[in-house]
Amino acid sequence: MTEILNCKGMKCPQPILKAAIKANTLAPGTTLEVHADCHSFSQDIQKWCNDNGKVLISIVDKGGLKVATIQL
């Protein structure tokens, strides 16, 4: 199951905070896809995943929109 979290237009650290809140509501093993256009999102989400034991599957840049796929 994949959940999508739209964080377009939010400035950091909002996308990371929203991802953390959403992750706490989902079952382990769920895939969370976070869409954000904040300039530091890629680095921030990598650090958050490392700090919280989540698996960052990929970060894809789609013309300024970054899509992070995380295994919870």
C-alpha atoms as a PDB file:
ATOM      1  CA  MET A   1       0.000   0.000   0.000  1.00  0.00           C
ATOM      2  CA  THR A   2       1.325   3.455  -0.926  1.00  0.00           C
ATOM      3  CA  GLU A   3       0.212   6.676   0.731  1.00  0.00           C
ATOM      4  CA  ILE A   4       0.893   9.983  -1.030  1.00  0.00           C
ATOM      5  CA  LEU A   5       1.649  13.179   0.889  1.00  0.00           C
ATOM      6  CA  ASN A   6       1.540  16.416  -1.096  1.00  0.00           C
ATOM      7  CA  CYS A   7       3.853  19.043   0.399  1.00  0.00           C
ATOM      8  CA  LYS A   8       4.189  21.239  -2.683  1.00  0.00           C
ATOM      9  CA  GLY A   9       4.587  24.917  -1.849  1.00  0.00           C
ATOM     10  CA  MET A  10       5.695  24.277   1.740  1.00  0.00           C
ATOM     11  CA  LYS A  11       8.996  25.642   3.006  1.00  0.00           C
ATOM     12  CA  CYS A  12      11.331  23.439   5.014  1.00  0.00           C
ATOM     13  CA  PRO A  13      11.004  22.125   7.639  1.00  0.00           C
ATOM     14  CA  GLN A  14       7.253  21.744   6.980  1.00  0.00           C
ATOM     15  CA  PRO A  15       7.529  18.820   4.509  1.00  0.00           C
ATOM     16  CA  ILE A  16       9.645  16.835   6.991  1.00  0.00           C
ATOM     17  CA  LEU A  17       7.294  17.595   9.880  1.00  0.00           C
ATOM     18  CA  LYS A  18       4.265  16.592   7.796  1.00  0.00           C
ATOM     19  CA  ALA A  19       6.016  13.374   6.717  1.00  0.00           C
ATOM     20  CA  ALA A  20       6.853  12.535  10.348  1.00  0.00           C
ATOM     21  CA  ILE A  21       3.252  13.088  11.455  1.00  0.00           C
ATOM     22  CA  LYS A  22       1.898  11.031   8.544  1.00  0.00           C
ATOM     23  CA  ALA A  23       4.425   8.224   9.155  1.00  0.00           C
ATOM     24  CA  ASN A  24       3.195   7.908  12.755  1.00  0.00           C
ATOM     25  CA  THR A  25      -0.347   7.197  11.515  1.00  0.00           C
ATOM     26  CA  LEU A  26       0.661   4.438   9.076  1.00  0.00           C
ATOM     27  CA  ALA A  27       1.392   0.760   9.652  1.00  0.00           C
ATOM     28  CA  PRO A  28       4.972  -0.519   9.418  1.00  0.00           C
ATOM     29  CA  GLY A  29       5.708  -1.748   5.909  1.00  0.00           C
ATOM     30  CA  THR A  30       3.611   0.955   4.268  1.00  0.00           C
ATOM     31  CA  THR A  31       5.221   2.997   1.506  1.00  0.00           C
ATOM     32  CA  LEU A  32       4.979   6.770   1.853  1.00  0.00           C
ATOM     33  CA  GLU A  33       5.512   8.946  -1.203  1.00  0.00           C
ATOM     34  CA  VAL A  34       6.244  12.586  -0.338  1.00  0.00           C
ATOM     35  CA  HIS A  35       6.036  15.295  -3.013  1.00  0.00           C
ATOM     36  CA  ALA A  36       7.876  18.540  -2.206  1.00  0.00           C
ATOM     37  CA  ASP A  37       9.501  21.449  -4.007  1.00  0.00           C
ATOM     38  CA  CYS A  38      11.518  22.882  -1.102  1.00  0.00           C
ATOM     39  CA  HIS A  39      15.188  23.374  -2.048  1.00  0.00           C
ATOM     40  CA  SER A  40      16.597  21.401   0.899  1.00  0.00           C
ATOM     41  CA  PHE A  41      14.005  18.608   0.903  1.00  0.00           C
ATOM     42  CA  SER A  42      16.280  15.899  -0.543  1.00  0.00           C
ATOM     43  CA  GLN A  43      18.928  16.312   2.150  1.00  0.00           C
ATOM     44  CA  ASP A  44      16.365  16.786   4.923  1.00  0.00           C
ATOM     45  CA  ILE A  45      14.356  13.666   4.075  1.00  0.00           C
ATOM     46  CA  GLN A  46      17.537  11.556   3.848  1.00  0.00           C
ATOM     47  CA  LYS A  47      18.569  12.691   7.319  1.00  0.00           C
ATOM     48  CA  TRP A  48      15.074  12.123   8.732  1.00  0.00           C
ATOM     49  CA  CYS A  49      14.976   8.577   7.319  1.00  0.00           C
ATOM     50  CA  ASN A  50      18.429   7.782   8.755  1.00  0.00           C
ATOM     51  CA  ASP A  51      17.561   9.245  12.154  1.00  0.00           C
ATOM     52  CA  ASN A  52      14.228   7.400  12.368  1.00  0.00           C
ATOM     53  CA  GLY A  53      15.069   3.986  10.938  1.00  0.00           C
ATOM     54  CA  LYS A  54      13.049   4.429   7.742  1.00  0.00           C
ATOM     55  CA  VAL A  55      14.235   3.163   4.358  1.00  0.00           C
ATOM     56  CA  LEU A  56      14.579   5.847   1.697  1.00  0.00           C
ATOM     57  CA  ILE A  57      13.883   3.896  -1.482  1.00  0.00           C
ATOM     58  CA  SER A  58      14.391   6.780  -3.899  1.00  0.00           C
ATOM     59  CA  ILE A  59      14.295  10.507  -4.493  1.00  0.00           C
ATOM     60  CA  VAL A  60      13.366  11.509  -8.021  1.00  0.00           C
ATOM     61  CA  ASP A  61      13.544  15.088  -9.296  1.00  0.00           C
ATOM     62  CA  LYS A  62      10.657  15.737 -11.667  1.00  0.00           C
ATOM     63  CA  GLY A  63      11.494  19.204 -12.935  1.00  0.00           C
ATOM     64  CA  GLY A  64      11.874  20.871  -9.551  1.00  0.00           C
ATOM     65  CA  LEU A  65       9.337  18.639  -7.800  1.00  0.00           C
ATOM     66  CA  LYS A  66      11.110  16.055  -5.685  1.00  0.00           C
ATOM     67  CA  VAL A  67       9.348  12.751  -5.023  1.00  0.00           C
ATOM     68  CA  ALA A  68      10.715  10.736  -2.097  1.00  0.00           C
ATOM     69  CA  THR A  69       9.589   7.132  -1.669  1.00  0.00           C
ATOM     70  CA  ILE A  70       9.998   5.847   1.879  1.00  0.00           C
ATOM     71  CA  GLN A  71       9.437   2.368   3.314  1.00  0.00           C
ATOM     72  CA  LEU A  72       8.069   2.722   6.834  1.00  0.00           C
END
